């Protein structure tokens, strides 16, 4: 199984539904690739058009089918609000082995309805030599030789 590094460039979002009625929301993104989860910084007061320009790195195998990005609104004193989510298919990225998808706009949906868009860039770099994928070893121990 081919494994490698998936690099995700989270650029920003546009046209999100503002979940705060009295002020601009403070959005952040939760990126999930199989069992790995990473969180962006909070774009304080950026409202419906946040920009992050942050890069996230995941260890993946080529049989990972998608990257999920959940957009949330950070609220102090109460639970964070769900803004919407985007599912990014990864198959095209893995087809050529070393793949690169330039910054692309994906729809953000909530309750199966369009509620904005998110800009994401993707790149995949296969590992030179590997016996097992790093992501497959999370949560366990390995006997030393």
N, C-alpha and C. Protein backbone atom coordinates (compact mmCIF):
# COMPACT_ATOMS: atom_id res chain seq x y z
N UNK A 1 0.85 -1.19 0.00
CA UNK A 1 0.00 0.00 0.00
C UNK A 1 0.89 1.25 0.00
N UNK A 2 0.58 2.16 -0.89
CA UNK A 2 1.36 3.40 -0.98
C UNK A 2 0.89 4.37 0.09
N UNK A 3 1.84 4.90 0.83
CA UNK A 3 1.54 5.87 1.88
C UNK A 3 2.31 7.14 1.60
N UNK A 4 1.92 8.18 2.28
CA UNK A 4 2.63 9.43 2.09
C UNK A 4 2.06 10.55 2.93
N UNK A 5 2.36 11.77 2.49
CA UNK A 5 1.96 12.96 3.23
C UNK A 5 0.94 13.75 2.42
N UNK A 6 -0.18 14.02 3.05
CA UNK A 6 -1.21 14.87 2.46
C UNK A 6 -1.05 16.24 3.10
N UNK A 7 -0.81 17.25 2.26
CA UNK A 7 -0.68 18.61 2.75
C UNK A 7 -1.92 19.39 2.32
N UNK A 8 -2.57 20.02 3.28
CA UNK A 8 -3.80 20.76 3.02
C UNK A 8 -3.56 22.23 3.32
N UNK A 9 -3.79 23.07 2.33
CA UNK A 9 -3.69 24.52 2.52
C UNK A 9 -5.11 25.05 2.67
N UNK A 10 -5.43 25.47 3.88
CA UNK A 10 -6.74 26.05 4.17
C UNK A 10 -6.62 27.55 3.95
N UNK A 11 -7.16 28.05 2.85
CA UNK A 11 -7.02 29.45 2.50
C UNK A 11 -8.06 30.30 3.22
N UNK A 12 -9.33 30.00 3.00
CA UNK A 12 -10.39 30.79 3.62
C UNK A 12 -11.75 30.30 3.20
N UNK A 13 -12.77 31.03 3.60
CA UNK A 13 -14.15 30.70 3.26
C UNK A 13 -14.86 31.98 2.86
N UNK A 14 -15.99 31.81 2.20
CA UNK A 14 -16.72 32.97 1.71
C UNK A 14 -18.22 32.68 1.74
N UNK A 15 -18.98 33.69 2.11
CA UNK A 15 -20.44 33.57 2.05
C UNK A 15 -21.05 32.65 3.08
N UNK A 16 -20.35 32.42 4.19
CA UNK A 16 -20.89 31.53 5.23
C UNK A 16 -22.08 32.20 5.91
N UNK A 17 -22.96 31.37 6.40
CA UNK A 17 -24.11 31.88 7.14
C UNK A 17 -23.65 32.30 8.53
N UNK A 18 -23.89 33.56 8.90
CA UNK A 18 -23.46 34.06 10.20
C UNK A 18 -24.36 33.49 11.29
N UNK A 19 -23.77 32.75 12.21
CA UNK A 19 -24.55 32.12 13.28
C UNK A 19 -24.70 33.03 14.50
N UNK A 20 -23.95 34.13 14.53
CA UNK A 20 -24.08 35.10 15.63
C UNK A 20 -24.98 36.24 15.17
N UNK A 21 -26.01 36.52 15.94
CA UNK A 21 -26.99 37.53 15.51
C UNK A 21 -26.57 38.95 15.83
N UNK A 22 -25.81 39.15 16.90
CA UNK A 22 -25.47 40.50 17.33
C UNK A 22 -24.10 40.97 16.86
N UNK A 23 -23.23 40.04 16.47
CA UNK A 23 -21.88 40.42 16.05
C UNK A 23 -21.36 39.42 15.03
N UNK A 24 -20.18 39.68 14.52
CA UNK A 24 -19.57 38.75 13.57
C UNK A 24 -19.15 37.47 14.28
N UNK A 25 -19.31 36.35 13.59
CA UNK A 25 -18.91 35.07 14.19
C UNK A 25 -17.39 34.93 14.14
N UNK A 26 -16.89 33.98 14.92
CA UNK A 26 -15.47 33.69 15.03
C UNK A 26 -15.23 32.26 14.52
N UNK A 27 -15.14 32.10 13.19
CA UNK A 27 -15.07 30.75 12.62
C UNK A 27 -13.70 30.08 12.75
N UNK A 28 -13.76 28.75 12.81
CA UNK A 28 -12.56 27.93 12.73
C UNK A 28 -12.94 26.65 12.00
N UNK A 29 -11.94 25.91 11.56
CA UNK A 29 -12.18 24.68 10.80
C UNK A 29 -11.60 23.49 11.54
N UNK A 30 -12.31 22.37 11.46
CA UNK A 30 -11.82 21.10 11.99
C UNK A 30 -11.64 20.18 10.79
N UNK A 31 -10.40 19.81 10.51
CA UNK A 31 -10.08 18.97 9.36
C UNK A 31 -9.91 17.53 9.84
N UNK A 32 -10.60 16.60 9.19
CA UNK A 32 -10.55 15.20 9.59
C UNK A 32 -10.21 14.33 8.38
N UNK A 33 -9.18 13.51 8.55
CA UNK A 33 -8.78 12.55 7.53
C UNK A 33 -8.65 11.21 8.25
N UNK A 34 -9.64 10.36 8.06
CA UNK A 34 -9.77 9.10 8.80
C UNK A 34 -9.79 9.37 10.30
N UNK A 35 -8.81 8.87 11.04
CA UNK A 35 -8.82 9.06 12.50
C UNK A 35 -8.01 10.28 12.94
N UNK A 36 -7.39 10.97 11.99
CA UNK A 36 -6.58 12.14 12.33
C UNK A 36 -7.43 13.40 12.24
N UNK A 37 -7.33 14.23 13.27
CA UNK A 37 -8.11 15.46 13.30
C UNK A 37 -7.21 16.63 13.69
N UNK A 38 -7.35 17.74 12.97
CA UNK A 38 -6.59 18.95 13.27
C UNK A 38 -7.52 20.14 13.21
N UNK A 39 -7.19 21.16 13.99
CA UNK A 39 -8.05 22.33 14.11
C UNK A 39 -7.28 23.59 13.72
N UNK A 40 -7.94 24.45 12.95
CA UNK A 40 -7.32 25.72 12.56
C UNK A 40 -7.40 26.70 13.72
N UNK A 41 -6.75 27.83 13.53
CA UNK A 41 -6.90 28.90 14.50
C UNK A 41 -8.29 29.51 14.34
N UNK A 42 -8.73 30.26 15.33
CA UNK A 42 -10.03 30.94 15.27
C UNK A 42 -9.83 32.28 14.57
N UNK A 43 -10.64 32.52 13.53
CA UNK A 43 -10.57 33.79 12.80
C UNK A 43 -11.50 34.77 13.53
N UNK A 44 -11.00 35.34 14.61
CA UNK A 44 -11.81 36.19 15.50
C UNK A 44 -12.43 37.38 14.77
N UNK A 45 -13.75 37.46 14.86
CA UNK A 45 -14.48 38.59 14.30
C UNK A 45 -14.50 38.67 12.79
N UNK A 46 -14.08 37.61 12.11
CA UNK A 46 -14.00 37.64 10.65
C UNK A 46 -15.33 37.33 9.97
N UNK A 47 -16.32 36.89 10.73
CA UNK A 47 -17.66 36.70 10.20
C UNK A 47 -17.77 35.68 9.09
N UNK A 48 -18.49 36.05 8.02
CA UNK A 48 -18.83 35.13 6.93
C UNK A 48 -17.71 34.90 5.93
N UNK A 49 -16.65 35.70 5.98
CA UNK A 49 -15.56 35.59 5.01
C UNK A 49 -14.19 35.48 5.67
N UNK A 50 -13.98 34.42 6.47
CA UNK A 50 -12.70 34.28 7.18
C UNK A 50 -11.55 33.88 6.26
N UNK A 51 -10.34 34.25 6.67
CA UNK A 51 -9.13 33.80 5.98
C UNK A 51 -8.20 33.20 7.02
N UNK A 52 -7.62 32.05 6.68
CA UNK A 52 -6.69 31.40 7.59
C UNK A 52 -5.29 31.32 7.01
N UNK A 53 -5.17 30.88 5.77
CA UNK A 53 -3.87 30.65 5.13
C UNK A 53 -2.97 29.79 6.01
N UNK A 54 -3.51 28.64 6.43
CA UNK A 54 -2.78 27.70 7.29
C UNK A 54 -2.60 26.38 6.55
N UNK A 55 -1.51 25.70 6.85
CA UNK A 55 -1.21 24.42 6.23
C UNK A 55 -1.28 23.31 7.29
N UNK A 56 -1.89 22.19 6.90
CA UNK A 56 -2.03 21.03 7.78
C UNK A 56 -1.45 19.82 7.07
N UNK A 57 -0.79 18.94 7.83
CA UNK A 57 -0.15 17.77 7.25
C UNK A 57 -0.73 16.51 7.89
N UNK A 58 -1.11 15.55 7.04
CA UNK A 58 -1.66 14.28 7.49
C UNK A 58 -0.83 13.14 6.88
N UNK A 59 -0.65 12.05 7.64
CA UNK A 59 -0.05 10.83 7.10
C UNK A 59 -1.20 9.98 6.58
N UNK A 60 -1.13 9.64 5.29
CA UNK A 60 -2.26 8.92 4.69
C UNK A 60 -1.78 7.78 3.80
N UNK A 61 -2.70 6.88 3.50
CA UNK A 61 -2.49 5.87 2.48
C UNK A 61 -3.42 6.21 1.33
N UNK A 62 -3.11 5.71 0.14
CA UNK A 62 -3.88 6.10 -1.04
C UNK A 62 -5.31 5.56 -1.05
N UNK A 63 -5.65 4.73 -0.09
CA UNK A 63 -7.04 4.25 -0.06
C UNK A 63 -7.95 5.17 0.76
N UNK A 64 -7.42 6.29 1.25
CA UNK A 64 -8.26 7.28 1.94
C UNK A 64 -9.07 7.98 0.85
N UNK A 65 -10.39 7.99 1.01
CA UNK A 65 -11.23 8.51 -0.07
C UNK A 65 -11.56 9.99 0.03
N UNK A 66 -11.53 10.54 1.26
CA UNK A 66 -11.96 11.94 1.38
C UNK A 66 -11.36 12.63 2.60
N UNK A 67 -11.40 13.95 2.54
CA UNK A 67 -11.02 14.83 3.63
C UNK A 67 -12.29 15.56 4.03
N UNK A 68 -12.58 15.60 5.31
CA UNK A 68 -13.78 16.28 5.78
C UNK A 68 -13.37 17.55 6.52
N UNK A 69 -14.04 18.65 6.20
CA UNK A 69 -13.76 19.92 6.87
C UNK A 69 -15.06 20.45 7.45
N UNK A 70 -15.07 20.56 8.76
CA UNK A 70 -16.25 21.06 9.47
C UNK A 70 -15.96 22.48 9.93
N UNK A 71 -16.83 23.41 9.57
CA UNK A 71 -16.66 24.80 9.98
C UNK A 71 -17.51 25.07 11.21
N UNK A 72 -16.89 25.68 12.21
CA UNK A 72 -17.55 25.96 13.47
C UNK A 72 -17.41 27.44 13.82
N UNK A 73 -18.30 27.91 14.70
CA UNK A 73 -18.23 29.28 15.21
C UNK A 73 -17.89 29.19 16.68
N UNK A 74 -16.74 29.74 17.06
CA UNK A 74 -16.30 29.70 18.44
C UNK A 74 -17.14 30.66 19.29
N UNK A 75 -17.76 30.12 20.32
CA UNK A 75 -18.58 30.92 21.24
C UNK A 75 -18.06 30.75 22.65
N UNK A 76 -17.77 31.85 23.32
CA UNK A 76 -17.33 31.74 24.72
C UNK A 76 -18.57 31.65 25.60
N UNK A 77 -18.54 30.77 26.55
CA UNK A 77 -19.65 30.64 27.49
C UNK A 77 -20.74 29.68 27.04
N UNK A 78 -20.70 29.21 25.79
CA UNK A 78 -21.68 28.22 25.32
C UNK A 78 -21.00 27.32 24.29
N UNK A 79 -21.73 26.29 23.87
CA UNK A 79 -21.18 25.38 22.88
C UNK A 79 -20.95 26.10 21.55
N UNK A 80 -19.90 25.70 20.84
CA UNK A 80 -19.63 26.28 19.53
C UNK A 80 -20.73 25.88 18.55
N UNK A 81 -21.05 26.78 17.62
CA UNK A 81 -22.11 26.53 16.65
C UNK A 81 -21.54 25.88 15.40
N UNK A 82 -22.29 24.93 14.86
CA UNK A 82 -21.94 24.28 13.59
C UNK A 82 -22.36 25.21 12.46
N UNK A 83 -21.42 25.55 11.58
CA UNK A 83 -21.69 26.47 10.48
C UNK A 83 -21.99 25.68 9.19
N UNK A 84 -21.22 24.63 8.93
CA UNK A 84 -21.40 23.81 7.73
C UNK A 84 -20.19 22.94 7.54
N UNK A 85 -20.22 22.11 6.50
CA UNK A 85 -19.09 21.22 6.25
C UNK A 85 -18.88 20.99 4.76
N UNK A 86 -17.67 20.62 4.43
CA UNK A 86 -17.30 20.31 3.06
C UNK A 86 -16.58 18.97 3.06
N UNK A 87 -16.88 18.16 2.05
CA UNK A 87 -16.21 16.87 1.88
C UNK A 87 -15.41 16.95 0.59
N UNK A 88 -14.11 16.77 0.70
CA UNK A 88 -13.23 16.89 -0.46
C UNK A 88 -12.77 15.50 -0.88
N UNK A 89 -13.14 15.06 -2.10
CA UNK A 89 -12.68 13.75 -2.57
C UNK A 89 -11.18 13.78 -2.87
N UNK A 90 -10.49 12.69 -2.56
CA UNK A 90 -9.04 12.65 -2.72
C UNK A 90 -8.56 11.72 -3.83
N UNK A 91 -9.45 10.97 -4.44
CA UNK A 91 -9.06 9.98 -5.46
C UNK A 91 -8.20 10.59 -6.57
N UNK A 92 -8.61 11.74 -7.11
CA UNK A 92 -7.87 12.38 -8.21
C UNK A 92 -6.45 12.75 -7.78
N UNK A 93 -6.28 13.08 -6.52
CA UNK A 93 -4.97 13.46 -5.99
C UNK A 93 -3.99 12.30 -6.02
N UNK A 94 -4.49 11.08 -5.81
CA UNK A 94 -3.64 9.90 -5.72
C UNK A 94 -3.39 9.22 -7.07
N UNK A 95 -4.16 9.55 -8.09
CA UNK A 95 -4.07 8.85 -9.39
C UNK A 95 -2.67 8.85 -9.98
N UNK A 96 -2.01 9.95 -9.96
CA UNK A 96 -0.69 10.06 -10.57
C UNK A 96 0.45 9.74 -9.61
N UNK A 97 0.12 9.31 -8.38
CA UNK A 97 1.17 9.06 -7.39
C UNK A 97 1.46 10.32 -6.61
N UNK A 98 2.24 11.22 -7.21
CA UNK A 98 2.50 12.50 -6.55
C UNK A 98 1.54 13.50 -7.16
N UNK A 99 0.55 13.92 -6.38
CA UNK A 99 -0.49 14.77 -6.93
C UNK A 99 -0.51 16.15 -6.31
N UNK A 100 -1.14 17.05 -7.06
CA UNK A 100 -1.27 18.42 -6.59
C UNK A 100 -2.56 18.99 -7.16
N UNK A 101 -3.43 19.47 -6.30
CA UNK A 101 -4.65 20.15 -6.74
C UNK A 101 -4.51 21.59 -6.27
N UNK A 102 -4.42 22.54 -7.23
CA UNK A 102 -4.27 23.94 -6.84
C UNK A 102 -5.47 24.42 -6.03
N UNK A 103 -5.35 25.58 -5.44
CA UNK A 103 -6.44 26.11 -4.60
C UNK A 103 -7.74 26.07 -5.40
N UNK A 104 -8.72 25.37 -4.84
CA UNK A 104 -10.01 25.13 -5.48
C UNK A 104 -11.12 25.50 -4.51
N UNK A 105 -12.24 25.93 -5.05
CA UNK A 105 -13.40 26.28 -4.21
C UNK A 105 -14.33 25.07 -4.12
N UNK A 106 -14.71 24.74 -2.89
CA UNK A 106 -15.64 23.64 -2.63
C UNK A 106 -16.86 24.20 -1.90
N UNK A 107 -18.02 23.60 -2.17
CA UNK A 107 -19.25 24.04 -1.50
C UNK A 107 -19.27 23.61 -0.04
N UNK A 108 -19.78 24.49 0.80
CA UNK A 108 -20.03 24.18 2.20
C UNK A 108 -21.53 23.94 2.32
N UNK A 109 -21.90 22.82 2.96
CA UNK A 109 -23.32 22.50 3.10
C UNK A 109 -23.70 22.32 4.56
N UNK A 110 -24.96 22.59 4.83
CA UNK A 110 -25.54 22.37 6.15
C UNK A 110 -26.95 21.89 5.92
N UNK A 111 -27.30 20.76 6.49
CA UNK A 111 -28.61 20.14 6.25
C UNK A 111 -28.87 19.97 4.76
N UNK A 112 -27.86 19.53 4.02
CA UNK A 112 -27.91 19.26 2.58
C UNK A 112 -28.18 20.50 1.73
N UNK A 113 -28.00 21.69 2.30
CA UNK A 113 -28.21 22.92 1.54
C UNK A 113 -26.92 23.74 1.50
N UNK A 114 -26.68 24.38 0.35
CA UNK A 114 -25.51 25.23 0.15
C UNK A 114 -25.53 26.38 1.16
N UNK A 115 -24.38 26.61 1.82
CA UNK A 115 -24.33 27.71 2.79
C UNK A 115 -22.99 28.43 2.76
N UNK A 116 -22.33 28.43 1.59
CA UNK A 116 -21.07 29.13 1.44
C UNK A 116 -20.05 28.28 0.71
N UNK A 117 -18.82 28.75 0.69
CA UNK A 117 -17.76 28.00 0.02
C UNK A 117 -16.45 28.14 0.78
N UNK A 118 -15.57 27.17 0.51
CA UNK A 118 -14.28 27.14 1.19
C UNK A 118 -13.19 26.93 0.13
N UNK A 119 -12.04 27.58 0.34
CA UNK A 119 -10.92 27.46 -0.60
C UNK A 119 -9.84 26.60 0.01
N UNK A 120 -9.49 25.53 -0.73
CA UNK A 120 -8.53 24.54 -0.24
C UNK A 120 -7.55 24.18 -1.36
N UNK A 121 -6.28 24.05 -1.01
CA UNK A 121 -5.27 23.51 -1.92
C UNK A 121 -4.76 22.19 -1.34
N UNK A 122 -4.46 21.22 -2.21
CA UNK A 122 -4.04 19.90 -1.74
C UNK A 122 -2.78 19.44 -2.47
N UNK A 123 -1.92 18.73 -1.76
CA UNK A 123 -0.80 18.06 -2.42
C UNK A 123 -0.51 16.76 -1.68
N UNK A 124 -0.06 15.76 -2.45
CA UNK A 124 0.27 14.45 -1.89
C UNK A 124 1.68 14.09 -2.31
N UNK A 125 2.50 13.70 -1.34
CA UNK A 125 3.87 13.27 -1.60
C UNK A 125 4.03 11.85 -1.06
N UNK A 126 4.25 10.87 -1.94
CA UNK A 126 4.44 9.50 -1.46
C UNK A 126 5.76 9.36 -0.71
N UNK A 127 5.78 8.45 0.25
CA UNK A 127 7.01 8.18 0.99
C UNK A 127 7.90 7.29 0.15
N UNK A 128 9.20 7.49 0.29
CA UNK A 128 10.17 6.71 -0.48
C UNK A 128 10.04 5.22 -0.20
N UNK A 129 10.32 4.86 1.03
CA UNK A 129 10.29 3.45 1.43
C UNK A 129 9.50 3.33 2.71
N UNK A 130 8.51 2.48 2.70
CA UNK A 130 7.78 2.28 3.94
C UNK A 130 7.18 0.89 3.97
N UNK A 131 7.27 0.28 5.12
CA UNK A 131 6.69 -1.04 5.28
C UNK A 131 5.25 -0.95 5.74
N UNK A 132 4.97 0.01 6.56
CA UNK A 132 3.62 0.22 7.07
C UNK A 132 3.32 1.71 7.07
N UNK A 133 2.07 2.03 6.91
CA UNK A 133 1.67 3.44 6.94
C UNK A 133 1.65 3.93 8.38
N UNK A 134 2.13 5.13 8.59
CA UNK A 134 2.16 5.70 9.93
C UNK A 134 0.77 5.82 10.51
N UNK A 135 -0.23 6.19 9.69
CA UNK A 135 -1.58 6.37 10.21
C UNK A 135 -2.17 5.07 10.72
N UNK A 136 -1.73 3.96 10.15
CA UNK A 136 -2.24 2.66 10.55
C UNK A 136 -1.70 2.25 11.92
N UNK A 137 -0.62 2.90 12.39
CA UNK A 137 0.01 2.52 13.65
C UNK A 137 -0.42 3.37 14.84
N UNK A 138 -1.27 4.36 14.61
CA UNK A 138 -1.68 5.23 15.71
C UNK A 138 -2.44 4.42 16.75
N UNK A 139 -2.14 4.70 18.00
CA UNK A 139 -2.89 4.11 19.10
C UNK A 139 -2.40 2.73 19.51
N UNK A 140 -1.33 2.26 18.94
CA UNK A 140 -0.83 0.94 19.32
C UNK A 140 0.64 1.04 19.68
N UNK A 141 1.23 -0.08 20.02
CA UNK A 141 2.65 -0.09 20.32
C UNK A 141 3.31 -1.06 19.37
N UNK A 142 4.55 -0.85 19.14
CA UNK A 142 5.30 -1.70 18.23
C UNK A 142 6.47 -2.31 18.98
N UNK A 143 6.63 -3.59 18.84
CA UNK A 143 7.71 -4.28 19.53
C UNK A 143 9.05 -3.90 18.89
N UNK A 144 10.04 -3.57 19.71
CA UNK A 144 11.33 -3.21 19.16
C UNK A 144 12.11 -4.48 18.82
N UNK A 145 13.02 -4.35 17.87
CA UNK A 145 13.79 -5.50 17.40
C UNK A 145 14.88 -5.89 18.35
